[in-house]
C-alpha cells in the first residue's frame, strides 16, 4: 500500500525541476517548497531524495503519513 509523504526543501524549486517530480504535488511556501504525495515503497523515497540532491536542493524534513482504514483522506503520522 502506498505511503503518503510530505517533503520540505529549502528555497523554491524552479518549474523545470518540479517537472522531474511529476508524481508529487508541489506547494511553494515561505522560502521553501513542499512536495507531497504517495509513494509505493521506501525505495521510491530514496530515489526521490537522490534526485533532489542532484538538483542541489537542501532537504529540511520528511514526514510520513499513513491512512487509517475508513478515513476520508485524513493523514496520520506514521
Protein backbone atom coordinates (compact mmCIF):
# COMPACT_ATOMS: atom_id res chain seq x y z
CA UNK A 1 0.00 0.00 0.00
CA UNK A 2 1.44 3.41 -0.91
CA UNK A 3 2.56 5.70 1.91
CA UNK A 4 1.89 9.43 1.80
CA UNK A 5 4.91 11.72 2.27
CA UNK A 6 5.45 15.42 2.76
CA UNK A 7 9.00 16.51 1.86
CA UNK A 8 10.28 20.03 2.62
CA UNK A 9 13.29 21.54 0.88
CA UNK A 10 14.85 24.96 1.43
CA UNK A 11 14.07 27.61 -1.17
CA UNK A 12 11.96 27.34 -4.25
CA UNK A 13 12.47 24.60 -6.81
CA UNK A 14 12.35 26.01 -10.35
CA UNK A 15 9.39 24.91 -12.51
CA UNK A 16 11.73 22.88 -14.75
CA UNK A 17 12.98 20.95 -11.73
CA UNK A 18 9.43 20.36 -10.47
CA UNK A 19 8.66 18.58 -13.77
CA UNK A 20 11.06 15.85 -12.64
CA UNK A 21 8.79 15.21 -9.63
CA UNK A 22 5.52 14.89 -11.52
CA UNK A 23 4.37 12.01 -9.29
CA UNK A 24 4.05 14.52 -6.41
CA UNK A 25 2.25 17.82 -5.88
CA UNK A 26 4.28 20.91 -5.02
CA UNK A 27 3.26 23.83 -2.82
CA UNK A 28 5.81 26.65 -2.64
CA UNK A 29 5.66 28.16 0.86
CA UNK A 30 7.66 30.84 2.68
CA UNK A 31 11.17 30.24 1.27
CA UNK A 32 10.65 26.51 0.90
CA UNK A 33 8.94 24.03 -1.36
CA UNK A 34 6.73 21.24 -0.02
CA UNK A 35 6.40 18.15 -2.20
CA UNK A 36 3.64 15.76 -1.19
CA UNK A 37 2.06 12.60 -2.47
CA UNK A 38 2.02 8.83 -2.22
CA UNK A 39 4.99 6.59 -2.97
CA UNK A 40 4.81 2.82 -3.31
CA UNK A 41 7.80 1.86 -1.15
CA UNK A 42 10.91 3.15 0.67
CA UNK A 43 12.98 2.55 -2.49
CA UNK A 44 10.93 5.19 -4.33
CA UNK A 45 11.53 7.64 -1.48
CA UNK A 46 15.30 7.01 -1.71
CA UNK A 47 15.24 7.66 -5.47
CA UNK A 48 13.31 10.88 -4.92
CA UNK A 49 15.80 12.09 -2.28
CA UNK A 50 18.68 11.23 -4.63
CA UNK A 51 17.04 13.28 -7.41
CA UNK A 52 16.59 16.23 -5.05
CA UNK A 53 20.29 16.05 -4.20
CA UNK A 54 21.15 16.00 -7.93
CA UNK A 55 19.41 19.37 -8.23
CA UNK A 56 21.30 20.72 -5.20
CA UNK A 57 18.17 21.03 -3.05
CA UNK A 58 18.73 21.19 0.70
CA UNK A 59 16.37 18.72 2.37
CA UNK A 60 14.77 20.14 5.51
CA UNK A 61 12.45 17.36 6.63
CA UNK A 62 10.40 14.37 5.56
CA UNK A 63 7.09 13.45 7.17
CA UNK A 64 5.49 10.07 6.54
CA UNK A 65 1.75 9.65 6.97
CA UNK A 66 -0.39 6.57 6.94
CA UNK A 67 -4.03 6.34 6.07
CA UNK A 68 -6.31 4.67 8.59
CA UNK A 69 -8.93 2.24 7.32
CA UNK A 70 -12.18 4.12 6.78
CA UNK A 71 -10.54 7.56 6.74
CA UNK A 72 -11.82 10.03 4.20
CA UNK A 73 -8.36 11.23 3.16
CA UNK A 74 -7.12 12.17 6.63
CA UNK A 75 -3.42 11.74 7.20
CA UNK A 76 -1.96 10.37 10.40
CA UNK A 77 1.74 10.48 11.35
CA UNK A 78 3.27 7.05 10.87
